[in-house]
Protein backbone atom coordinates (compact mmCIF):
# COMPACT_ATOMS: atom_id res chain seq x y z
CA MET A 1 9.62 -25.05 -14.92
CA SER A 2 5.91 -24.17 -14.65
CA SER A 3 6.17 -23.06 -11.01
CA ASN A 4 8.99 -20.67 -11.98
CA MET A 5 6.85 -19.35 -14.84
CA GLU A 6 3.82 -18.94 -12.57
CA SER A 7 5.82 -17.13 -9.89
CA ARG A 8 7.21 -14.74 -12.53
CA MET A 9 3.68 -14.13 -13.84
CA GLN A 10 2.46 -13.56 -10.28
CA LYS A 11 5.19 -10.93 -9.84
CA SER A 12 3.84 -9.17 -12.95
CA ILE A 13 0.39 -9.11 -11.32
CA SER A 14 1.89 -7.71 -8.08
CA ALA A 15 3.74 -5.01 -10.03
CA LEU A 16 0.51 -4.13 -11.83
CA LYS A 17 -1.40 -3.82 -8.55
CA SER A 18 1.23 -1.61 -6.94
CA GLU A 19 1.41 0.63 -10.02
CA LEU A 20 -2.39 0.93 -10.17
CA ALA A 21 -2.49 1.87 -6.48
CA THR A 22 -0.62 5.06 -7.31
CA ILE A 23 -3.18 6.10 -9.94
CA ARG A 24 -5.64 8.50 -8.40
CA THR A 25 -9.31 7.72 -8.13
CA GLY A 26 -12.00 9.89 -6.56
CA ARG A 27 -11.04 8.45 -3.15
CA ALA A 28 -8.05 9.24 -0.98
CA ASN A 29 -5.56 6.40 -0.66
CA ALA A 30 -2.21 6.51 1.14
CA ALA A 31 -0.62 4.48 -1.69
CA LEU A 32 -1.16 7.54 -3.89
CA LEU A 33 2.02 9.02 -2.39
CA ASP A 34 4.16 5.87 -2.77
CA HIS A 35 6.18 7.25 -5.67
CA VAL A 36 6.67 10.73 -4.16
CA LYS A 37 10.20 11.11 -2.82
CA VAL A 38 11.26 13.76 -0.33
CA SER A 39 14.80 14.91 0.40
CA TYR A 40 15.61 13.76 3.93
CA TYR A 41 19.13 14.08 5.37
CA GLY A 42 20.67 14.10 1.90
CA SER A 43 18.81 11.17 0.36
CA ASP A 44 15.47 10.84 -1.39
CA VAL A 45 13.03 8.67 0.57
CA PRO A 46 9.32 7.87 0.12
CA VAL A 47 6.87 10.08 2.00
CA SER A 48 5.75 7.08 4.07
CA GLN A 49 9.23 6.94 5.65
CA VAL A 50 9.17 10.48 7.02
CA GLY A 51 5.77 10.49 8.70
CA ASN A 52 2.37 8.91 9.16
CA ILE A 53 -0.11 9.09 6.30
CA SER A 54 -3.78 8.84 7.24
CA VAL A 55 -7.13 9.21 5.48
CA PRO A 56 -9.37 11.18 7.88
CA GLU A 57 -12.04 11.77 5.20
CA PRO A 58 -12.82 10.02 1.89
CA ARG A 59 -11.18 12.78 -0.16
CA MET A 60 -8.43 13.94 2.21
CA LEU A 61 -4.94 12.72 3.06
CA MET A 62 -3.17 13.83 6.21
CA ILE A 63 0.60 13.56 6.63
CA MET A 64 2.07 13.98 10.12
CA PRO A 65 5.88 14.10 9.74
CA TRP A 66 8.01 12.81 12.60
CA GLU A 67 10.13 15.97 12.38
CA LYS A 68 8.51 19.39 11.88
CA SER A 69 11.64 20.63 10.07
CA ILE A 70 10.77 18.55 7.03
CA LEU A 71 7.35 20.14 6.43
CA GLY A 72 8.66 22.53 3.73
CA ASP A 73 10.52 19.81 1.83
CA LEU A 74 7.51 17.53 2.06
CA GLU A 75 5.22 20.19 0.66
CA LYS A 76 7.64 20.91 -2.24
CA ALA A 77 7.97 17.20 -3.08
CA ILE A 78 4.19 16.79 -3.30
CA LEU A 79 3.84 19.93 -5.44
CA LYS A 80 6.64 18.70 -7.77
CA SER A 81 5.02 15.27 -8.22
CA ASP A 82 2.85 14.71 -11.28
CA LEU A 83 -0.20 14.01 -9.12
CA GLY A 84 -1.58 17.55 -9.39
CA LEU A 85 -2.19 17.87 -5.65
CA ASN A 86 -2.10 21.06 -3.56
CA PRO A 87 -0.84 20.38 -0.03
CA THR A 88 -1.58 22.83 2.77
CA SER A 89 0.54 22.96 5.89
CA ASP A 90 -0.77 23.99 9.31
CA GLY A 91 2.63 23.95 11.02
CA GLU A 92 1.96 20.50 12.49
CA GLY A 93 1.17 18.41 9.43
CA ILE A 94 0.10 18.55 5.82
CA ARG A 95 -3.44 18.21 4.53
CA ILE A 96 -4.12 17.23 0.94
CA VAL A 97 -7.69 17.61 -0.26
CA LEU A 98 -8.22 15.61 -3.43
CA PRO A 99 -10.19 17.68 -5.91
CA GLU A 100 -13.20 16.15 -7.62
CA LEU A 101 -12.10 14.49 -10.86
CA THR A 102 -13.41 16.04 -14.07
CA GLU A 103 -14.84 13.81 -16.79
CA ASP A 104 -11.80 14.46 -19.03
CA ARG A 105 -9.38 13.65 -16.21
CA ARG A 106 -11.27 10.42 -15.49
CA LYS A 107 -10.97 9.41 -19.16
CA ASP A 108 -7.23 10.18 -19.10
CA LEU A 109 -6.82 8.06 -15.98
CA VAL A 110 -8.72 5.17 -17.59
CA LYS A 111 -6.35 5.37 -20.59
CA GLN A 112 -3.40 5.35 -18.20
CA VAL A 113 -4.82 2.28 -16.40
CA LYS A 114 -5.32 0.46 -19.70
CA ALA A 115 -1.71 1.25 -20.71
CA VAL A 116 -0.40 -0.11 -17.40
CA GLY A 117 -2.57 -3.22 -17.86
CA GLU A 118 -1.25 -3.71 -21.39
CA LYS A 119 2.32 -3.47 -20.08
CA ALA A 120 1.54 -6.24 -17.58
CA LYS A 121 0.05 -8.41 -20.34
CA VAL A 122 3.18 -7.93 -22.46
CA SER A 123 5.26 -8.98 -19.47
CA VAL A 124 3.17 -12.15 -19.01
CA ARG A 125 3.40 -12.94 -22.72
CA ASN A 126 7.18 -12.53 -22.62
CA ILE A 127 7.30 -15.04 -19.78
CA ARG A 128 5.17 -17.41 -21.90
CA ARG A 129 7.62 -17.01 -24.79
CA ASP A 130 10.55 -17.84 -22.48
CA ALA A 131 8.74 -20.95 -21.20
CA ASN A 132 7.92 -22.10 -24.75
CA ASP A 133 11.55 -21.54 -25.77
CA ALA A 134 12.65 -23.68 -22.82
CA VAL A 135 10.32 -26.48 -23.97
CA LYS A 136 11.67 -26.27 -27.54
CA LYS A 137 15.19 -26.42 -26.14
CA GLN A 138 14.26 -29.57 -24.19
CA VAL A 139 12.96 -31.15 -27.42
CA LYS A 140 16.25 -30.37 -29.16
CA ASP A 141 18.70 -31.09 -26.31
CA GLU A 142 17.02 -33.78 -24.22
CA GLY A 143 14.93 -35.53 -26.86
CA LEU A 144 11.56 -34.59 -25.32
CA SER A 145 8.75 -36.17 -27.39
CA GLU A 146 6.59 -34.00 -29.66
CA ASP A 147 3.44 -35.08 -27.76
CA GLU A 148 4.94 -34.08 -24.42
CA SER A 149 6.15 -30.81 -25.97
CA LYS A 150 2.63 -30.02 -27.23
CA ARG A 151 1.14 -30.89 -23.83
CA LEU A 152 3.58 -28.58 -22.05
CA GLN A 153 2.96 -25.75 -24.51
CA GLU A 154 -0.82 -26.12 -24.07
CA ARG A 155 -0.39 -25.97 -20.29
CA ILE A 156 1.80 -22.86 -20.66
CA GLN A 157 -0.87 -21.24 -22.86
CA LYS A 158 -3.65 -22.09 -20.35
CA THR A 159 -1.65 -20.55 -17.52
CA THR A 160 -0.95 -17.46 -19.63
CA ASP A 161 -4.66 -17.11 -20.45
CA GLN A 162 -5.53 -17.30 -16.73
CA PHE A 163 -3.07 -14.55 -15.86
CA VAL A 164 -4.19 -12.33 -18.77
CA ALA A 165 -7.82 -12.77 -17.62
CA GLU A 166 -6.79 -11.81 -14.08
CA ILE A 167 -5.06 -8.68 -15.42
CA ASP A 168 -8.20 -7.79 -17.41
CA GLY A 169 -10.29 -8.14 -14.24
CA ILE A 170 -7.95 -5.95 -12.20
CA VAL A 171 -7.92 -3.26 -14.92
CA GLU A 172 -11.71 -3.41 -15.25
CA ASN A 173 -12.17 -2.95 -11.48
CA LYS A 174 -9.79 0.03 -11.46
CA ASP A 175 -11.68 1.57 -14.41
CA LYS A 176 -14.98 1.22 -12.52
CA GLU A 177 -13.37 2.75 -9.43
CA ILE A 178 -12.18 5.75 -11.46
CA LEU A 179 -15.43 6.25 -13.36
CA THR A 180 -17.62 6.04 -10.23
CA VAL A 181 -18.60 9.58 -9.33
């Protein structure tokens, strides 16, 4: 039971990390474009599946599509995304220079990070609730002793606290990354 709970909590941490990777900091990061979809032969696919994404400079992304015919669609997809980026095409590839973040934008991003972190904590707490419900069910159905039930619930709470602390650390690091000028 506890290994299932821990693996579910670990998945919440992984989801948090991948969602935070798409939140822009002052630095260029290829994961920034993970949620941008481009129309390619009739289906929407992530930018990473239509070309190579590189970071030639700390505040620049370079996308070299495998087919030149997709440059226009790629540019439109990036403009349509909520990232606020302005791609420029040179006929071969697309350059995206990340503008310097303003103080207000940094504060908005920190709020966004905290909201994503809170969502992950809620997910972990829901998993804790499910595990506690399973223990209570064992007490009722299988005659698990009260002492054993309390021991299991304490272990579940300890594990939950560890994962919540890990989430807090991840969120704190992302906040520092965003606020570093």
